[in-house]
Amino acid sequence: MLKGIPSILPPELLKIMMEMGHGDELVLADGNFPRSAHPERVVRCDGHGIPELLDAILKFMPLDPYVEHPTILMDVLPGEEIPVIWEEYRKIIGQHETNGAREEAIGRFDFYNRAKKAYAVVTTSESALYANVILKKGVVIEK
């Protein structure tokens, strides 16, 4: 254990976040996310939801300020409602990022293909539908 690091973040995820560079992407996957959409690096965070992980991750990892959409969501199918969890994500991200989430929703198969190219996937027990999110890492500017 170390001081100041949320216990929800396993050592493997901290290592991955340290290894990631500017522009690398991290997928936070809900409980329904398919194994076929995983890159080589997968961190299991069973028993946790995405909102609590998102908050812990963003304490350390900035979103990319140089792209229009550093937050990518999986778009809903036609006729389905926008997930309530998206608003929760916006609130959490807004607490850590001056410019907010600046999200974009992309189709399911485009999301899966992008996830395959991500630096890593964090699997969760999140039960909300369409809760998957990709975060593009920014730069750390020390003052």
Protein backbone atom coordinates (compact mmCIF):
# COMPACT_ATOMS: atom_id res chain seq x y z
CA MET A 1 0.00 0.00 0.00
CA LEU A 2 1.07 3.55 -0.70
CA LYS A 3 -0.32 6.83 0.59
CA GLY A 4 -2.76 8.73 -1.59
CA ILE A 5 -3.43 5.97 -4.12
CA PRO A 6 -7.04 4.76 -4.18
CA SER A 7 -7.16 1.09 -3.17
CA ILE A 8 -9.51 0.40 -6.08
CA LEU A 9 -6.53 0.75 -8.47
CA PRO A 10 -4.64 -2.55 -8.64
CA PRO A 11 -0.83 -2.43 -9.04
CA GLU A 12 -1.09 -3.79 -12.59
CA LEU A 13 -3.32 -0.89 -13.65
CA LEU A 14 -1.02 1.68 -12.05
CA LYS A 15 1.90 0.15 -13.97
CA ILE A 16 -0.04 0.31 -17.24
CA MET A 17 -1.04 3.93 -16.64
CA MET A 18 2.63 4.80 -16.00
CA GLU A 19 3.71 3.02 -19.20
CA MET A 20 1.10 4.74 -21.37
CA GLY A 21 2.21 7.71 -23.41
CA HIS A 22 0.43 10.71 -24.90
CA GLY A 23 -2.34 9.53 -27.21
CA ASP A 24 -2.49 5.96 -25.90
CA GLU A 25 -6.00 4.74 -25.11
CA LEU A 26 -7.43 2.91 -22.12
CA VAL A 27 -10.76 1.07 -22.33
CA LEU A 28 -13.03 0.78 -19.31
CA ALA A 29 -15.27 -2.15 -20.21
CA ASP A 30 -18.63 -3.08 -18.75
CA GLY A 31 -19.54 -6.62 -17.72
CA ASN A 32 -20.92 -7.44 -21.19
CA PHE A 33 -17.81 -6.44 -23.16
CA PRO A 34 -16.66 -9.27 -25.47
CA ARG A 35 -13.28 -10.93 -25.04
CA SER A 36 -12.67 -10.66 -28.80
CA ALA A 37 -12.37 -6.88 -28.49
CA HIS A 38 -9.48 -6.99 -26.00
CA PRO A 39 -5.89 -6.08 -26.76
CA GLU A 40 -3.05 -8.06 -25.18
CA ARG A 41 -3.13 -6.12 -21.90
CA VAL A 42 -6.21 -6.78 -19.79
CA VAL A 43 -6.67 -5.78 -16.16
CA ARG A 44 -9.56 -7.34 -14.26
CA CYS A 45 -11.36 -5.16 -11.76
CA ASP A 46 -14.16 -7.55 -10.89
CA GLY A 47 -16.65 -6.27 -8.36
CA HIS A 48 -16.18 -2.64 -9.32
CA GLY A 49 -18.23 -0.30 -11.47
CA ILE A 50 -16.87 2.05 -14.08
CA PRO A 51 -17.76 5.35 -12.33
CA GLU A 52 -15.62 4.58 -9.27
CA LEU A 53 -12.71 3.42 -11.45
CA LEU A 54 -13.05 6.42 -13.74
CA ASP A 55 -12.78 8.77 -10.78
CA ALA A 56 -9.70 6.98 -9.40
CA ILE A 57 -7.97 6.82 -12.80
CA LEU A 58 -8.53 10.50 -13.60
CA LYS A 59 -6.79 11.51 -10.37
CA PHE A 60 -3.59 10.47 -12.12
CA MET A 61 -4.24 10.33 -15.88
CA PRO A 62 -5.12 13.49 -17.81
CA LEU A 63 -7.24 13.37 -20.94
CA ASP A 64 -5.70 14.52 -24.21
CA PRO A 65 -6.25 18.29 -24.61
CA TYR A 66 -5.09 18.22 -28.24
CA VAL A 67 -7.90 16.14 -29.70
CA GLU A 68 -11.55 17.03 -30.12
CA HIS A 69 -12.85 13.86 -28.46
CA PRO A 70 -10.59 12.29 -25.80
CA THR A 71 -13.57 10.37 -24.40
CA ILE A 72 -15.21 7.77 -26.65
CA LEU A 73 -18.51 6.08 -25.80
CA MET A 74 -20.30 3.17 -27.46
CA ASP A 75 -23.31 4.58 -29.29
CA VAL A 76 -26.75 3.15 -28.58
CA LEU A 77 -28.74 1.34 -31.23
CA PRO A 78 -31.52 3.28 -32.96
CA GLY A 79 -34.59 3.60 -30.77
CA GLU A 80 -32.75 2.99 -27.51
CA GLU A 81 -32.40 5.62 -24.81
CA ILE A 82 -29.16 7.40 -23.99
CA PRO A 83 -27.72 5.69 -20.91
CA VAL A 84 -28.03 7.56 -17.62
CA ILE A 85 -24.46 6.54 -16.76
CA TRP A 86 -23.11 8.87 -19.47
CA GLU A 87 -24.21 11.88 -17.42
CA GLU A 88 -22.43 10.40 -14.42
CA TYR A 89 -19.27 10.10 -16.54
CA ARG A 90 -19.56 13.76 -17.58
CA LYS A 91 -19.82 14.84 -13.94
CA ILE A 92 -16.82 12.75 -12.88
CA ILE A 93 -14.68 13.89 -15.80
CA GLY A 94 -15.73 17.50 -15.19
CA GLN A 95 -14.28 17.24 -11.67
CA HIS A 96 -10.87 16.34 -13.13
CA GLU A 97 -10.77 18.05 -16.52
CA THR A 98 -11.23 21.78 -17.07
CA ASN A 99 -12.67 21.22 -20.56
CA GLY A 100 -14.96 18.36 -19.52
CA ALA A 101 -15.44 15.03 -21.26
CA ARG A 102 -15.63 16.26 -24.86
CA GLU A 103 -17.04 12.87 -25.75
CA GLU A 104 -18.05 11.23 -28.98
CA ALA A 105 -20.25 8.16 -29.36
CA ILE A 106 -19.25 5.67 -32.06
CA GLY A 107 -20.97 2.52 -33.32
CA ARG A 108 -20.54 -0.77 -31.49
CA PHE A 109 -18.28 -2.48 -34.04
CA ASP A 110 -16.19 0.67 -34.54
CA PHE A 111 -15.82 0.79 -30.76
CA TYR A 112 -14.73 -2.88 -30.65
CA ASN A 113 -12.17 -2.32 -33.40
CA ARG A 114 -10.79 0.73 -31.63
CA ALA A 115 -10.65 -1.19 -28.35
CA LYS A 116 -8.52 -3.89 -29.99
CA LYS A 117 -5.91 -1.20 -30.73
CA ALA A 118 -6.03 0.32 -27.24
CA TYR A 119 -3.06 0.12 -24.93
CA ALA A 120 -5.13 -1.86 -22.41
CA VAL A 121 -8.63 -2.86 -21.37
CA VAL A 122 -9.89 -2.72 -17.80
CA THR A 123 -12.74 -5.19 -17.34
CA THR A 124 -15.30 -4.39 -14.67
CA SER A 125 -18.54 -5.68 -13.22
CA GLU A 126 -20.43 -2.62 -14.45
CA SER A 127 -24.01 -3.69 -15.21
CA ALA A 128 -25.24 -0.53 -16.98
CA LEU A 129 -25.78 -1.03 -20.70
CA TYR A 130 -23.59 0.99 -23.09
CA ALA A 131 -21.27 1.84 -20.22
CA ASN A 132 -18.04 1.16 -22.13
CA VAL A 133 -15.72 4.13 -22.45
CA ILE A 134 -12.33 4.77 -24.05
CA LEU A 135 -10.02 7.42 -22.57
CA LYS A 136 -7.22 8.97 -24.62
CA LYS A 137 -4.28 9.88 -22.40
CA GLY A 138 -3.01 13.44 -22.45
CA VAL A 139 0.17 15.02 -21.20
CA VAL A 140 1.21 15.73 -17.63
CA ILE A 141 2.36 19.29 -17.13
CA GLU A 142 4.12 19.84 -13.82
CA LYS A 143 3.99 23.36 -12.44
